[in-house]
Amino acid sequence: MAGSSKGRSEVARNYQAFVRKLPELLSTHRGKFALMHDAKIVDFYDSAGDAYKAGVEQYGEGAFSVQEVTDLRADLGFFSHAGPQR
């Protein structure tokens, strides 16, 4: 899954973009899960699993990440890592 440096780089870029938007997102999407690709929020989902499934469907094995819109720091483990591009 997150074995490539390109995938880790994508996750880092996505996370940095997410953190910049977080204050605004907390008032509009608290408790949702953001699907991110190319440092942009693609859409919001009710669960991490739904966001992950959409990411796989939209990007195949391409890099994407999922972040929860919360003011609590949380490690989503598997869901906060991007898949390698092939």
Protein backbone atom coordinates (compact mmCIF):
# COMPACT_ATOMS: atom_id res chain seq x y z
CA MET A 1 0.00 0.00 0.00
CA ALA A 2 2.08 2.98 1.18
CA GLY A 3 5.41 1.58 0.17
CA SER A 4 6.55 4.07 -2.42
CA SER A 5 8.07 7.45 -1.67
CA LYS A 6 5.73 8.90 -4.31
CA GLY A 7 2.73 7.61 -2.33
CA ARG A 8 4.12 9.03 0.92
CA SER A 9 4.75 12.35 -0.84
CA GLU A 10 1.14 12.42 -2.09
CA VAL A 11 -0.17 11.77 1.42
CA ALA A 12 2.03 14.55 2.84
CA ARG A 13 0.87 17.05 0.21
CA ASN A 14 -2.76 16.05 0.75
CA TYR A 15 -2.41 16.38 4.51
CA GLN A 16 -0.79 19.82 4.30
CA ALA A 17 -3.60 21.05 2.02
CA PHE A 18 -6.20 19.52 4.36
CA VAL A 19 -4.74 21.19 7.47
CA ARG A 20 -4.83 24.59 5.75
CA LYS A 21 -8.56 24.15 5.02
CA LEU A 22 -9.48 22.47 8.32
CA PRO A 23 -10.77 25.54 10.21
CA GLU A 24 -13.34 26.22 7.46
CA LEU A 25 -14.17 22.53 7.05
CA LEU A 26 -14.94 22.11 10.74
CA SER A 27 -17.91 24.44 10.41
CA THR A 28 -19.24 22.82 7.23
CA HIS A 29 -18.20 19.13 7.22
CA ARG A 30 -17.37 18.12 10.81
CA GLY A 31 -17.46 14.34 11.25
CA LYS A 32 -17.19 13.62 7.51
CA PHE A 33 -14.27 12.00 5.70
CA ALA A 34 -12.54 13.91 2.92
CA LEU A 35 -11.25 12.01 -0.11
CA MET A 36 -8.12 13.80 -1.28
CA HIS A 37 -6.13 13.57 -4.47
CA ASP A 38 -3.42 15.85 -5.85
CA ALA A 39 -3.64 18.13 -2.76
CA LYS A 40 -7.34 18.78 -3.41
CA ILE A 41 -10.49 17.63 -1.65
CA VAL A 42 -12.45 15.54 -4.12
CA ASP A 43 -15.57 14.90 -2.02
CA PHE A 44 -16.84 14.15 1.49
CA TYR A 45 -18.23 10.83 2.79
CA ASP A 46 -19.98 9.58 5.91
CA SER A 47 -17.36 6.89 6.60
CA ALA A 48 -13.69 6.28 5.95
CA GLY A 49 -14.64 3.05 4.17
CA ASP A 50 -16.96 4.86 1.76
CA ALA A 51 -14.27 7.44 1.01
CA TYR A 52 -11.66 4.73 0.46
CA LYS A 53 -13.97 2.77 -1.85
CA ALA A 54 -14.64 5.92 -3.90
CA GLY A 55 -10.91 6.60 -4.09
CA VAL A 56 -10.21 3.12 -5.44
CA GLU A 57 -13.05 3.44 -7.96
CA GLN A 58 -11.92 6.88 -9.14
CA TYR A 59 -8.15 6.45 -9.06
CA GLY A 60 -7.61 2.69 -9.17
CA GLU A 61 -4.28 2.07 -7.59
CA GLY A 62 -3.36 5.73 -7.89
CA ALA A 63 -2.40 7.83 -4.91
CA PHE A 64 -5.14 9.29 -2.74
CA SER A 65 -5.78 9.71 0.95
CA VAL A 66 -8.67 10.03 3.36
CA GLN A 67 -8.80 12.52 6.23
CA GLU A 68 -11.45 12.88 8.92
CA VAL A 69 -12.79 16.40 9.46
CA THR A 70 -12.27 16.71 13.20
CA ASP A 71 -10.43 18.95 15.61
CA LEU A 72 -9.10 15.86 17.39
CA ARG A 73 -5.83 14.51 16.09
CA ALA A 74 -6.45 10.97 14.85
CA ASP A 75 -4.39 8.43 12.97
CA LEU A 76 -6.61 6.70 10.44
CA GLY A 77 -3.88 4.13 9.90
CA PHE A 78 -4.54 2.34 6.64
CA PHE A 79 -6.87 5.09 5.41
CA SER A 80 -4.33 7.88 5.78
CA HIS A 81 -1.87 6.28 3.38
CA ALA A 82 -1.84 6.47 -0.38
CA GLY A 83 -1.54 3.50 -2.67
CA PRO A 84 1.33 3.30 -5.13
CA GLN A 85 0.75 4.31 -8.73
CA ARG A 86 1.44 1.57 -11.26
